[in-house]
Amino acid sequence: MFRTAESVLLRNGDRCFSNGQWVLWDGQPAAFCPTIQPPTGVRQLGKVQEIIQVANPEPSALHGKGDFALIRHAEVADRDSHYDMPRVVLQSRHSLVPIQDIQCTVNVQHNCAARQCTIVNVEQVGREEQEKTKRLVKAVRHTAPDDLILNTAQMRNSAKLMPFCCTVRQLDRDHIVHLSAMQEFEAARCRRARAATS
């Protein structure tokens, strides 16, 4: 018998929710289904679909802790030129991952710059003083919702995100030194010209 949970507390202190939270985990072969899991020690990215607790007299069940997360795999793809961060592509594969293997939660955002998403007014229905009210609120209308970016600039859990960071592009040192020298010569020439006119 199984139960589902709304959230679970990870080893690093992150709260992981079952409503599509993005996580990193270290893949290890499962004894009951070795073909589903990736090879041992491979850092994986995925989206939590459900948190599962095995309903039995195990210690986790007695303390109300989740045992597994059903995670949809995602692949880290090429670098997005606007954000300079890796793109994320959801896969159709799923894995049942032990909660202790989940390293941390991560931030994945929609690629609004490439898709030119717009801000629109959306009618929101609510209650004020026991009366039903309607008001307009601003919301982002995403186009192509599967175009996603892994936020590697987040400070929390940044060490765990390092394998996914894009390599820093090397700058042409000779070109930079040449431009800096030209700028210094131009500044010195301007100072001399100002000194001569005063």
N, C-alpha and C. Protein backbone atom coordinates (compact mmCIF):
# COMPACT_ATOMS: atom_id res chain seq x y z
N MET A 1 0.84 -1.17 0.00
CA MET A 1 0.00 0.00 0.00
C MET A 1 0.89 1.24 0.00
N PHE A 2 0.47 2.25 -0.74
CA PHE A 2 1.25 3.48 -0.87
C PHE A 2 0.39 4.68 -0.53
N ARG A 3 1.06 5.72 -0.07
CA ARG A 3 0.42 7.01 0.17
C ARG A 3 1.19 8.05 -0.63
N THR A 4 0.51 9.12 -0.99
CA THR A 4 1.21 10.22 -1.66
C THR A 4 1.36 11.37 -0.69
N ALA A 5 2.43 12.13 -0.86
CA ALA A 5 2.70 13.26 0.01
C ALA A 5 2.75 14.54 -0.80
N GLU A 6 2.44 15.64 -0.15
CA GLU A 6 2.49 16.95 -0.81
C GLU A 6 3.93 17.43 -0.93
N SER A 7 4.74 17.16 0.10
CA SER A 7 6.13 17.61 0.08
C SER A 7 6.97 16.71 0.98
N VAL A 8 8.28 16.89 0.86
CA VAL A 8 9.22 16.14 1.70
C VAL A 8 10.43 17.04 1.95
N LEU A 9 11.07 16.88 3.10
CA LEU A 9 12.26 17.65 3.44
C LEU A 9 13.49 16.84 3.02
N LEU A 10 14.33 17.45 2.17
CA LEU A 10 15.52 16.76 1.69
C LEU A 10 16.65 16.85 2.71
N ARG A 11 17.71 16.08 2.49
CA ARG A 11 18.85 16.05 3.43
C ARG A 11 19.50 17.41 3.59
N ASN A 12 19.51 18.23 2.52
CA ASN A 12 20.19 19.53 2.60
C ASN A 12 19.29 20.62 3.17
N GLY A 13 18.06 20.28 3.54
CA GLY A 13 17.14 21.25 4.13
C GLY A 13 16.14 21.84 3.15
N ASP A 14 16.26 21.54 1.86
CA ASP A 14 15.29 22.02 0.87
C ASP A 14 13.96 21.29 1.06
N ARG A 15 12.88 22.02 0.87
CA ARG A 15 11.55 21.40 0.85
C ARG A 15 11.23 21.08 -0.60
N CYS A 16 10.94 19.83 -0.89
CA CYS A 16 10.65 19.37 -2.25
C CYS A 16 9.15 19.08 -2.36
N PHE A 17 8.49 19.75 -3.30
CA PHE A 17 7.05 19.60 -3.49
C PHE A 17 6.75 18.66 -4.65
N SER A 18 5.58 18.05 -4.60
CA SER A 18 5.20 17.09 -5.64
C SER A 18 4.47 17.74 -6.81
N ASN A 19 4.45 19.05 -6.86
CA ASN A 19 3.72 19.75 -7.92
C ASN A 19 4.63 20.21 -9.06
N GLY A 20 5.64 19.43 -9.38
CA GLY A 20 6.51 19.80 -10.48
C GLY A 20 7.81 20.47 -10.06
N GLN A 21 8.25 20.23 -8.84
CA GLN A 21 9.52 20.77 -8.34
C GLN A 21 10.67 20.17 -9.14
N TRP A 22 11.65 20.98 -9.53
CA TRP A 22 12.83 20.50 -10.26
C TRP A 22 13.90 20.11 -9.25
N VAL A 23 14.54 18.97 -9.49
CA VAL A 23 15.53 18.45 -8.54
C VAL A 23 16.74 17.88 -9.28
N LEU A 24 17.85 17.79 -8.54
CA LEU A 24 19.03 17.05 -8.98
C LEU A 24 19.15 15.83 -8.09
N TRP A 25 19.50 14.71 -8.69
CA TRP A 25 19.73 13.51 -7.90
C TRP A 25 20.88 12.72 -8.50
N ASP A 26 21.50 11.92 -7.65
CA ASP A 26 22.57 11.04 -8.10
C ASP A 26 21.95 9.69 -8.43
N GLY A 27 22.03 9.31 -9.69
CA GLY A 27 21.43 8.07 -10.14
C GLY A 27 22.17 6.86 -9.61
N GLN A 28 21.43 5.90 -9.12
CA GLN A 28 21.97 4.62 -8.67
C GLN A 28 21.04 3.53 -9.17
N PRO A 29 21.58 2.40 -9.59
CA PRO A 29 20.71 1.33 -10.05
C PRO A 29 19.80 0.84 -8.93
N ALA A 30 18.53 0.70 -9.25
CA ALA A 30 17.58 0.17 -8.26
C ALA A 30 17.61 -1.35 -8.32
N ALA A 31 17.57 -1.99 -7.16
CA ALA A 31 17.63 -3.45 -7.10
C ALA A 31 16.41 -4.08 -7.76
N PHE A 32 15.27 -3.39 -7.67
CA PHE A 32 14.05 -3.98 -8.20
C PHE A 32 13.82 -3.67 -9.67
N CYS A 33 14.53 -2.72 -10.23
CA CYS A 33 14.34 -2.38 -11.65
C CYS A 33 15.60 -1.73 -12.20
N PRO A 34 16.66 -2.51 -12.46
CA PRO A 34 17.95 -1.95 -12.83
C PRO A 34 17.97 -1.24 -14.17
N THR A 35 17.03 -1.48 -15.04
CA THR A 35 17.09 -0.84 -16.36
C THR A 35 16.52 0.57 -16.36
N ILE A 36 15.78 0.95 -15.34
CA ILE A 36 15.16 2.28 -15.32
C ILE A 36 16.17 3.34 -14.90
N GLN A 37 16.98 3.05 -13.92
CA GLN A 37 17.86 4.06 -13.34
C GLN A 37 19.11 4.27 -14.19
N PRO A 38 19.68 5.48 -14.17
CA PRO A 38 20.95 5.73 -14.85
C PRO A 38 22.11 5.11 -14.08
N PRO A 39 23.31 5.06 -14.66
CA PRO A 39 24.46 4.48 -13.97
C PRO A 39 24.79 5.20 -12.67
N THR A 40 25.44 4.49 -11.76
CA THR A 40 25.79 5.04 -10.46
C THR A 40 26.63 6.30 -10.58
N GLY A 41 26.31 7.29 -9.74
CA GLY A 41 27.12 8.49 -9.65
C GLY A 41 26.85 9.53 -10.73
N VAL A 42 25.87 9.33 -11.57
CA VAL A 42 25.59 10.30 -12.62
C VAL A 42 24.58 11.31 -12.08
N ARG A 43 24.95 12.59 -12.10
CA ARG A 43 24.05 13.64 -11.64
C ARG A 43 22.94 13.82 -12.67
N GLN A 44 21.70 13.72 -12.22
CA GLN A 44 20.53 13.79 -13.10
C GLN A 44 19.68 15.00 -12.75
N LEU A 45 18.96 15.48 -13.75
CA LEU A 45 18.01 16.58 -13.57
C LEU A 45 16.63 16.06 -13.92
N GLY A 46 15.63 16.44 -13.14
CA GLY A 46 14.28 16.00 -13.44
C GLY A 46 13.24 16.79 -12.69
N LYS A 47 11.99 16.49 -13.02
CA LYS A 47 10.84 17.19 -12.46
C LYS A 47 10.02 16.19 -11.64
N VAL A 48 9.79 16.50 -10.37
CA VAL A 48 9.06 15.61 -9.47
C VAL A 48 7.58 15.58 -9.88
N GLN A 49 7.08 14.38 -10.12
CA GLN A 49 5.68 14.21 -10.48
C GLN A 49 4.84 13.81 -9.26
N GLU A 50 5.47 13.04 -8.36
CA GLU A 50 4.73 12.54 -7.19
C GLU A 50 5.72 12.10 -6.12
N ILE A 51 5.35 12.30 -4.87
CA ILE A 51 6.14 11.81 -3.73
C ILE A 51 5.35 10.66 -3.11
N ILE A 52 6.03 9.54 -2.91
CA ILE A 52 5.36 8.31 -2.48
C ILE A 52 5.92 7.85 -1.14
N GLN A 53 5.01 7.42 -0.27
CA GLN A 53 5.39 6.83 1.01
C GLN A 53 4.85 5.41 1.04
N VAL A 54 5.72 4.47 1.34
CA VAL A 54 5.30 3.08 1.47
C VAL A 54 4.61 2.94 2.82
N ALA A 55 3.37 2.49 2.80
CA ALA A 55 2.58 2.37 4.04
C ALA A 55 2.85 1.00 4.67
N ASN A 56 3.85 0.95 5.54
CA ASN A 56 4.18 -0.27 6.27
C ASN A 56 4.81 0.12 7.59
N PRO A 57 5.18 -0.82 8.43
CA PRO A 57 5.74 -0.46 9.74
C PRO A 57 7.19 0.01 9.70
N GLU A 58 7.69 0.42 8.53
CA GLU A 58 9.06 0.94 8.44
C GLU A 58 9.16 2.25 9.22
N PRO A 59 10.37 2.64 9.63
CA PRO A 59 10.53 3.89 10.38
C PRO A 59 10.03 5.12 9.63
N SER A 60 10.18 5.14 8.30
CA SER A 60 9.72 6.31 7.55
C SER A 60 8.21 6.46 7.62
N ALA A 61 7.49 5.35 7.59
CA ALA A 61 6.03 5.40 7.66
C ALA A 61 5.57 5.88 9.04
N LEU A 62 6.28 5.48 10.07
CA LEU A 62 5.91 5.88 11.42
C LEU A 62 6.13 7.37 11.64
N HIS A 63 7.06 7.97 10.93
CA HIS A 63 7.36 9.39 11.10
C HIS A 63 6.77 10.26 9.99
N GLY A 64 6.00 9.68 9.08
CA GLY A 64 5.34 10.45 8.03
C GLY A 64 6.29 11.00 6.98
N LYS A 65 7.37 10.29 6.68
CA LYS A 65 8.34 10.76 5.69
C LYS A 65 8.14 10.02 4.37
N GLY A 66 8.38 10.72 3.26
CA GLY A 66 8.29 10.10 1.95
C GLY A 66 9.46 9.17 1.71
N ASP A 67 9.22 8.11 0.94
CA ASP A 67 10.27 7.13 0.64
C ASP A 67 10.85 7.32 -0.75
N PHE A 68 10.00 7.61 -1.73
CA PHE A 68 10.42 7.71 -3.12
C PHE A 68 9.79 8.93 -3.77
N ALA A 69 10.42 9.36 -4.85
CA ALA A 69 9.83 10.40 -5.70
C ALA A 69 9.78 9.85 -7.12
N LEU A 70 8.64 10.02 -7.76
CA LEU A 70 8.51 9.67 -9.16
C LEU A 70 8.96 10.90 -9.94
N ILE A 71 10.06 10.76 -10.68
CA ILE A 71 10.68 11.92 -11.34
C ILE A 71 10.70 11.71 -12.84
N ARG A 72 10.28 12.75 -13.55
CA ARG A 72 10.37 12.74 -15.01
C ARG A 72 11.75 13.27 -15.40
N HIS A 73 12.47 12.51 -16.20
CA HIS A 73 13.83 12.88 -16.59
C HIS A 73 13.83 14.11 -17.48
N ALA A 74 14.90 14.87 -17.38
CA ALA A 74 15.13 16.01 -18.26
C ALA A 74 16.58 15.95 -18.71
N GLU A 75 16.81 16.40 -19.91
CA GLU A 75 18.17 16.41 -20.47
C GLU A 75 18.65 17.86 -20.54
N VAL A 76 19.89 18.06 -20.14
CA VAL A 76 20.50 19.38 -20.25
C VAL A 76 21.09 19.48 -21.64
N ALA A 77 20.60 20.45 -22.41
CA ALA A 77 20.98 20.57 -23.82
C ALA A 77 21.98 21.70 -24.01
N ASP A 78 22.03 22.23 -25.20
CA ASP A 78 22.99 23.28 -25.56
C ASP A 78 22.75 24.57 -24.79
N ARG A 79 23.72 25.47 -24.87
CA ARG A 79 23.69 26.75 -24.16
C ARG A 79 22.78 27.73 -24.89
N ASP A 80 21.95 28.44 -24.13
CA ASP A 80 21.13 29.50 -24.69
C ASP A 80 21.97 30.76 -24.77
N SER A 81 22.01 31.39 -25.92
CA SER A 81 22.91 32.54 -26.12
C SER A 81 22.46 33.77 -25.34
N HIS A 82 21.17 33.95 -25.11
CA HIS A 82 20.70 35.14 -24.38
C HIS A 82 21.03 35.05 -22.89
N TYR A 83 20.68 33.95 -22.27
CA TYR A 83 20.89 33.79 -20.83
C TYR A 83 22.26 33.23 -20.49
N ASP A 84 22.95 32.64 -21.46
CA ASP A 84 24.23 31.98 -21.25
C ASP A 84 24.11 30.88 -20.19
N MET A 85 23.01 30.16 -20.28
CA MET A 85 22.73 29.04 -19.38
C MET A 85 22.21 27.88 -20.22
N PRO A 86 22.30 26.66 -19.69
CA PRO A 86 21.88 25.50 -20.49
C PRO A 86 20.36 25.40 -20.64
N ARG A 87 19.94 24.92 -21.80
CA ARG A 87 18.54 24.66 -22.05
C ARG A 87 18.18 23.30 -21.46
N VAL A 88 16.91 23.13 -21.13
CA VAL A 88 16.42 21.89 -20.53
C VAL A 88 15.34 21.31 -21.43
N VAL A 89 15.45 20.01 -21.71
CA VAL A 89 14.47 19.32 -22.54
C VAL A 89 13.89 18.16 -21.73
N LEU A 90 12.58 18.19 -21.50
CA LEU A 90 11.92 17.10 -20.78
C LEU A 90 11.90 15.84 -21.62
N GLN A 91 12.12 14.70 -20.97
CA GLN A 91 12.10 13.39 -21.63
C GLN A 91 10.81 12.66 -21.25
N SER A 92 10.53 11.58 -21.93
CA SER A 92 9.34 10.79 -21.60
C SER A 92 9.63 9.73 -20.53
N ARG A 93 10.92 9.55 -20.17
CA ARG A 93 11.31 8.56 -19.16
C ARG A 93 11.01 9.04 -17.76
N HIS A 94 10.67 8.10 -16.88
CA HIS A 94 10.45 8.37 -15.47
C HIS A 94 11.28 7.41 -14.63
N SER A 95 11.64 7.85 -13.43
CA SER A 95 12.35 6.97 -12.49
C SER A 95 11.74 7.11 -11.11
N LEU A 96 11.76 6.02 -10.38
CA LEU A 96 11.35 6.02 -8.98
C LEU A 96 12.64 6.14 -8.17
N VAL A 97 12.85 7.31 -7.58
CA VAL A 97 14.13 7.65 -6.94
C VAL A 97 13.95 7.70 -5.42
N PRO A 98 14.81 7.01 -4.66
CA PRO A 98 14.76 7.13 -3.20
C PRO A 98 15.00 8.59 -2.79
N ILE A 99 14.25 9.05 -1.81
CA ILE A 99 14.35 10.44 -1.37
C ILE A 99 15.78 10.79 -0.97
N GLN A 100 16.50 9.87 -0.33
CA GLN A 100 17.86 10.18 0.12
C GLN A 100 18.83 10.40 -1.04
N ASP A 101 18.47 9.98 -2.26
CA ASP A 101 19.34 10.21 -3.42
C ASP A 101 19.15 11.58 -4.05
N ILE A 102 18.07 12.28 -3.67
CA ILE A 102 17.83 13.62 -4.21
C ILE A 102 18.77 14.58 -3.50
N GLN A 103 19.58 15.28 -4.28
CA GLN A 103 20.60 16.18 -3.72
C GLN A 103 20.04 17.54 -3.34
N CYS A 104 19.21 18.12 -4.20
CA CYS A 104 18.72 19.47 -3.95
C CYS A 104 17.62 19.83 -4.95
N THR A 105 16.94 20.93 -4.66
CA THR A 105 16.00 21.50 -5.61
C THR A 105 16.74 22.54 -6.44
N VAL A 106 16.31 22.73 -7.68
CA VAL A 106 16.94 23.73 -8.56
C VAL A 106 15.86 24.57 -9.22
N ASN A 107 16.30 25.67 -9.81
CA ASN A 107 15.40 26.61 -10.44
C ASN A 107 15.46 26.46 -11.95
N VAL A 108 14.33 26.19 -12.56
CA VAL A 108 14.21 26.09 -14.01
C VAL A 108 13.15 27.10 -14.43
N GLN A 109 13.48 27.93 -15.42
CA GLN A 109 12.58 28.99 -15.87
C GLN A 109 12.26 28.83 -17.35
N HIS A 110 11.19 29.46 -17.76
CA HIS A 110 10.83 29.47 -19.18
C HIS A 110 11.76 30.43 -19.93
N ASN A 111 12.04 30.12 -21.18
CA ASN A 111 12.91 30.95 -22.02
C ASN A 111 12.09 32.08 -22.64
N CYS A 112 11.70 33.04 -21.81
CA CYS A 112 10.83 34.13 -22.26
C CYS A 112 11.51 35.03 -23.29
N ALA A 113 12.82 35.21 -23.20
CA ALA A 113 13.52 36.09 -24.14
C ALA A 113 13.43 35.56 -25.56
N ALA A 114 13.66 34.28 -25.74
CA ALA A 114 13.63 33.69 -27.08
C ALA A 114 12.20 33.60 -27.61
N ARG A 115 11.26 33.38 -26.73
CA ARG A 115 9.86 33.19 -27.16
C ARG A 115 9.05 34.48 -27.13
N GLN A 116 9.65 35.57 -26.67
CA GLN A 116 9.00 36.88 -26.62
C GLN A 116 7.64 36.81 -25.92
N CYS A 117 7.65 36.26 -24.73
CA CYS A 117 6.42 36.13 -23.94
C CYS A 117 5.91 37.52 -23.56
N THR A 118 4.60 37.64 -23.46
CA THR A 118 3.99 38.93 -23.18
C THR A 118 3.33 38.93 -21.81
N ILE A 119 3.14 40.13 -21.27
CA ILE A 119 2.41 40.31 -20.02
C ILE A 119 0.99 40.72 -20.39
N VAL A 120 0.04 40.00 -19.84
CA VAL A 120 -1.37 40.25 -20.16
C VAL A 120 -2.15 40.45 -18.87
N ASN A 121 -3.33 41.06 -19.02
CA ASN A 121 -4.25 41.19 -17.89
C ASN A 121 -5.13 39.95 -17.83
N VAL A 122 -5.21 39.35 -16.65
CA VAL A 122 -6.02 38.15 -16.45
C VAL A 122 -7.04 38.45 -15.37
N GLU A 123 -8.26 38.03 -15.61
CA GLU A 123 -9.31 38.25 -14.62
C GLU A 123 -9.15 37.26 -13.47
N GLN A 124 -9.11 37.78 -12.25
CA GLN A 124 -8.96 36.93 -11.07
C GLN A 124 -10.23 37.06 -10.23
N VAL A 125 -10.82 35.93 -9.92
CA VAL A 125 -12.03 35.91 -9.11
C VAL A 125 -11.64 35.61 -7.68
N GLY A 126 -12.18 36.38 -6.76
CA GLY A 126 -11.87 36.17 -5.35
C GLY A 126 -13.03 36.62 -4.48
N ARG A 127 -12.76 36.70 -3.19
CA ARG A 127 -13.79 37.15 -2.25
C ARG A 127 -13.21 38.26 -1.39
N GLU A 128 -13.99 39.32 -1.26
CA GLU A 128 -13.65 40.41 -0.36
C GLU A 128 -14.90 40.76 0.42
N GLU A 129 -14.77 40.77 1.72
CA GLU A 129 -15.89 41.05 2.62
C GLU A 129 -17.10 40.19 2.26
N GLN A 130 -16.85 38.92 2.07
CA GLN A 130 -17.85 37.89 1.79
C GLN A 130 -18.62 38.11 0.49
N GLU A 131 -18.07 38.90 -0.41
CA GLU A 131 -18.69 39.09 -1.72
C GLU A 131 -17.72 38.66 -2.80
N LYS A 132 -18.27 38.04 -3.81
CA LYS A 132 -17.46 37.59 -4.94
C LYS A 132 -17.01 38.81 -5.74
N THR A 133 -15.69 38.89 -5.99
CA THR A 133 -15.14 40.04 -6.73
C THR A 133 -14.32 39.56 -7.91
N LYS A 134 -14.20 40.43 -8.88
CA LYS A 134 -13.35 40.18 -10.04
C LYS A 134 -12.42 41.36 -10.18
N ARG A 135 -11.16 41.06 -10.47
CA ARG A 135 -10.21 42.13 -10.73
C ARG A 135 -9.18 41.64 -11.72
N LEU A 136 -8.53 42.59 -12.38
CA LEU A 136 -7.51 42.25 -13.36
C LEU A 136 -6.14 42.24 -12.69
N VAL A 137 -5.39 41.19 -12.96
CA VAL A 137 -4.01 41.10 -12.46
C VAL A 137 -3.10 40.81 -13.65
N LYS A 138 -1.85 41.20 -13.52
CA LYS A 138 -0.87 40.96 -14.58
C LYS A 138 -0.35 39.53 -14.49
N ALA A 139 -0.17 38.91 -15.65
CA ALA A 139 0.38 37.55 -15.71
C ALA A 139 1.17 37.42 -17.01
N VAL A 140 2.16 36.54 -16.98
CA VAL A 140 2.97 36.29 -18.18
C VAL A 140 2.30 35.20 -19.00
N ARG A 141 2.11 35.46 -20.29
CA ARG A 141 1.57 34.45 -21.19
C ARG A 141 2.75 33.83 -21.93
N HIS A 142 3.07 32.58 -21.57
CA HIS A 142 4.20 31.88 -22.17
C HIS A 142 3.79 31.25 -23.50
N THR A 143 4.67 31.38 -24.48
CA THR A 143 4.50 30.64 -25.72
C THR A 143 5.54 29.52 -25.71
N ALA A 144 5.22 28.38 -26.25
CA ALA A 144 6.10 27.20 -26.24
C ALA A 144 6.56 26.91 -24.80
N PRO A 145 5.65 26.47 -23.93
CA PRO A 145 5.99 26.29 -22.51
C PRO A 145 7.07 25.25 -22.23
N ASP A 146 7.44 24.43 -23.21
CA ASP A 146 8.49 23.43 -22.99
C ASP A 146 9.89 23.96 -23.27
N ASP A 147 10.03 25.23 -23.64
CA ASP A 147 11.35 25.83 -23.87
C ASP A 147 11.85 26.35 -22.53
N LEU A 148 12.73 25.60 -21.89
CA LEU A 148 13.13 25.86 -20.51
C LEU A 148 14.63 26.10 -20.39
N ILE A 149 15.01 26.84 -19.33
CA ILE A 149 16.40 27.19 -19.03
C ILE A 149 16.72 26.77 -17.60
N LEU A 150 17.86 26.11 -17.39
CA LEU A 150 18.33 25.77 -16.04
C LEU A 150 19.09 26.98 -15.50
N ASN A 151 18.61 27.52 -14.39
CA ASN A 151 19.23 28.70 -13.79
C ASN A 151 20.49 28.29 -13.03
N THR A 152 21.63 28.37 -13.69
CA THR A 152 22.89 28.00 -13.05
C THR A 152 23.49 29.17 -12.27
N ALA A 153 22.81 30.32 -12.25
CA ALA A 153 23.30 31.47 -11.50
C ALA A 153 22.76 31.49 -10.07
N GLN A 154 21.92 30.54 -9.72
CA GLN A 154 21.38 30.53 -8.36
C GLN A 154 22.50 30.25 -7.37
N MET A 155 22.45 30.94 -6.23
CA MET A 155 23.50 30.80 -5.22
C MET A 155 23.30 29.53 -4.39
N ARG A 156 22.06 29.24 -4.04
CA ARG A 156 21.78 28.05 -3.23
C ARG A 156 22.10 26.81 -4.06
N ASN A 157 22.83 25.89 -3.49
CA ASN A 157 23.20 24.62 -4.12
C ASN A 157 24.06 24.80 -5.36
N SER A 158 24.79 25.90 -5.45
CA SER A 158 25.58 26.18 -6.65
C SER A 158 26.67 25.13 -6.88
N ALA A 159 27.23 24.58 -5.82
CA ALA A 159 28.28 23.56 -5.98
C ALA A 159 27.71 22.30 -6.66
N LYS A 160 26.48 21.98 -6.36
CA LYS A 160 25.85 20.80 -6.97
C LYS A 160 25.47 21.05 -8.43
N LEU A 161 25.32 22.32 -8.81
CA LEU A 161 24.96 22.68 -10.18
C LEU A 161 26.17 22.78 -11.11
N MET A 162 27.37 22.76 -10.55
CA MET A 162 28.58 22.96 -11.36
C MET A 162 28.69 22.04 -12.58
N PRO A 163 28.33 20.76 -12.49
CA PRO A 163 28.45 19.91 -13.69
C PRO A 163 27.59 20.38 -14.86
N PHE A 164 26.57 21.19 -14.59
CA PHE A 164 25.67 21.64 -15.65
C PHE A 164 26.02 23.03 -16.18
N CYS A 165 26.96 23.71 -15.55
CA CYS A 165 27.32 25.07 -15.97
C CYS A 165 27.99 25.04 -17.34
N CYS A 166 27.69 26.06 -18.13
CA CYS A 166 28.32 26.20 -19.44
C CYS A 166 29.76 26.67 -19.25
N THR A 167 30.63 26.23 -20.11
CA THR A 167 32.02 26.67 -20.02
C THR A 167 32.10 28.15 -20.35
N VAL A 168 32.96 28.83 -19.63
CA VAL A 168 33.13 30.27 -19.84
C VAL A 168 33.91 30.48 -21.13
N ARG A 169 33.39 31.36 -21.96
CA ARG A 169 34.08 31.63 -23.22
C ARG A 169 35.36 32.43 -22.95
N GLN A 170 36.45 31.99 -23.53
CA GLN A 170 37.72 32.66 -23.36
C GLN A 170 37.75 33.94 -24.20
N LEU A 171 38.22 35.00 -23.60
CA LEU A 171 38.33 36.27 -24.31
C LEU A 171 39.70 36.38 -24.97
N ASP A 172 39.77 37.14 -26.03
CA ASP A 172 41.02 37.35 -26.75
C ASP A 172 41.85 38.36 -25.97
N ARG A 173 42.85 37.88 -25.24
CA ARG A 173 43.64 38.74 -24.36
C ARG A 173 44.38 39.82 -25.15
N ASP A 174 45.00 39.47 -26.27
CA ASP A 174 45.74 40.46 -27.07
C ASP A 174 44.82 41.59 -27.52
N HIS A 175 43.62 41.24 -27.94
CA HIS A 175 42.67 42.25 -28.40
C HIS A 175 42.27 43.18 -27.25
N ILE A 176 42.04 42.61 -26.06
CA ILE A 176 41.66 43.42 -24.90
C ILE A 176 42.79 44.36 -24.50
N VAL A 177 44.03 43.87 -24.47
CA VAL A 177 45.19 44.71 -24.12
C VAL A 177 45.34 45.83 -25.15
N HIS A 178 45.17 45.51 -26.42
CA HIS A 178 45.28 46.52 -27.48
C HIS A 178 44.22 47.61 -27.30
N LEU A 179 42.97 47.23 -27.06
CA LEU A 179 41.90 48.21 -26.86
C LEU A 179 42.15 49.06 -25.61
N SER A 180 42.63 48.43 -24.54
CA SER A 180 42.92 49.17 -23.30
C SER A 180 44.03 50.19 -23.52
N ALA A 181 45.08 49.80 -24.24
CA ALA A 181 46.19 50.72 -24.52
C ALA A 181 45.70 51.89 -25.38
N MET A 182 44.88 51.60 -26.39
CA MET A 182 44.34 52.68 -27.23
C MET A 182 43.50 53.64 -26.40
N GLN A 183 42.71 53.11 -25.46
CA GLN A 183 41.88 53.94 -24.61
C GLN A 183 42.75 54.82 -23.71
N GLU A 184 43.83 54.28 -23.16
CA GLU A 184 44.73 55.06 -22.32
C GLU A 184 45.42 56.17 -23.12
N PHE A 185 45.89 55.85 -24.33
CA PHE A 185 46.52 56.87 -25.17
C PHE A 185 45.55 57.98 -25.52
N GLU A 186 44.30 57.62 -25.80
CA GLU A 186 43.28 58.62 -26.13
C GLU A 186 42.98 59.49 -24.93
N ALA A 187 42.90 58.91 -23.73
CA ALA A 187 42.65 59.68 -22.51
C ALA A 187 43.81 60.63 -22.24
N ALA A 188 45.06 60.17 -22.43
CA ALA A 188 46.23 61.03 -22.22
C ALA A 188 46.24 62.17 -23.23
N ARG A 189 45.88 61.89 -24.49
CA ARG A 189 45.83 62.93 -25.52
C ARG A 189 44.78 63.99 -25.16
N CYS A 190 43.63 63.57 -24.66
CA CYS A 190 42.57 64.51 -24.26
C CYS A 190 43.03 65.36 -23.08
N ARG A 191 43.74 64.77 -22.13
CA ARG A 191 44.24 65.54 -20.98
C ARG A 191 45.25 66.59 -21.43
N ARG A 192 46.14 66.20 -22.37
CA ARG A 192 47.13 67.16 -22.88
C ARG A 192 46.44 68.29 -23.65
N ALA A 193 45.42 67.96 -24.41
CA ALA A 193 44.70 68.98 -25.18
C ALA A 193 43.99 69.95 -24.24
N ARG A 194 43.40 69.46 -23.17
CA ARG A 194 42.72 70.33 -22.20
C ARG A 194 43.73 71.20 -21.47
N ALA A 195 44.89 70.63 -21.15
CA ALA A 195 45.93 71.40 -20.45
C ALA A 195 46.48 72.50 -21.35
N ALA A 196 46.58 72.26 -22.65
CA ALA A 196 47.11 73.25 -23.59
C ALA A 196 46.13 74.40 -23.78
N THR A 197 44.82 74.14 -23.69
CA THR A 197 43.83 75.20 -23.90
C THR A 197 43.55 75.99 -22.64
N SER A 198 43.98 75.54 -21.48
CA SER A 198 43.69 76.29 -20.26
C SER A 198 44.81 77.17 -19.83
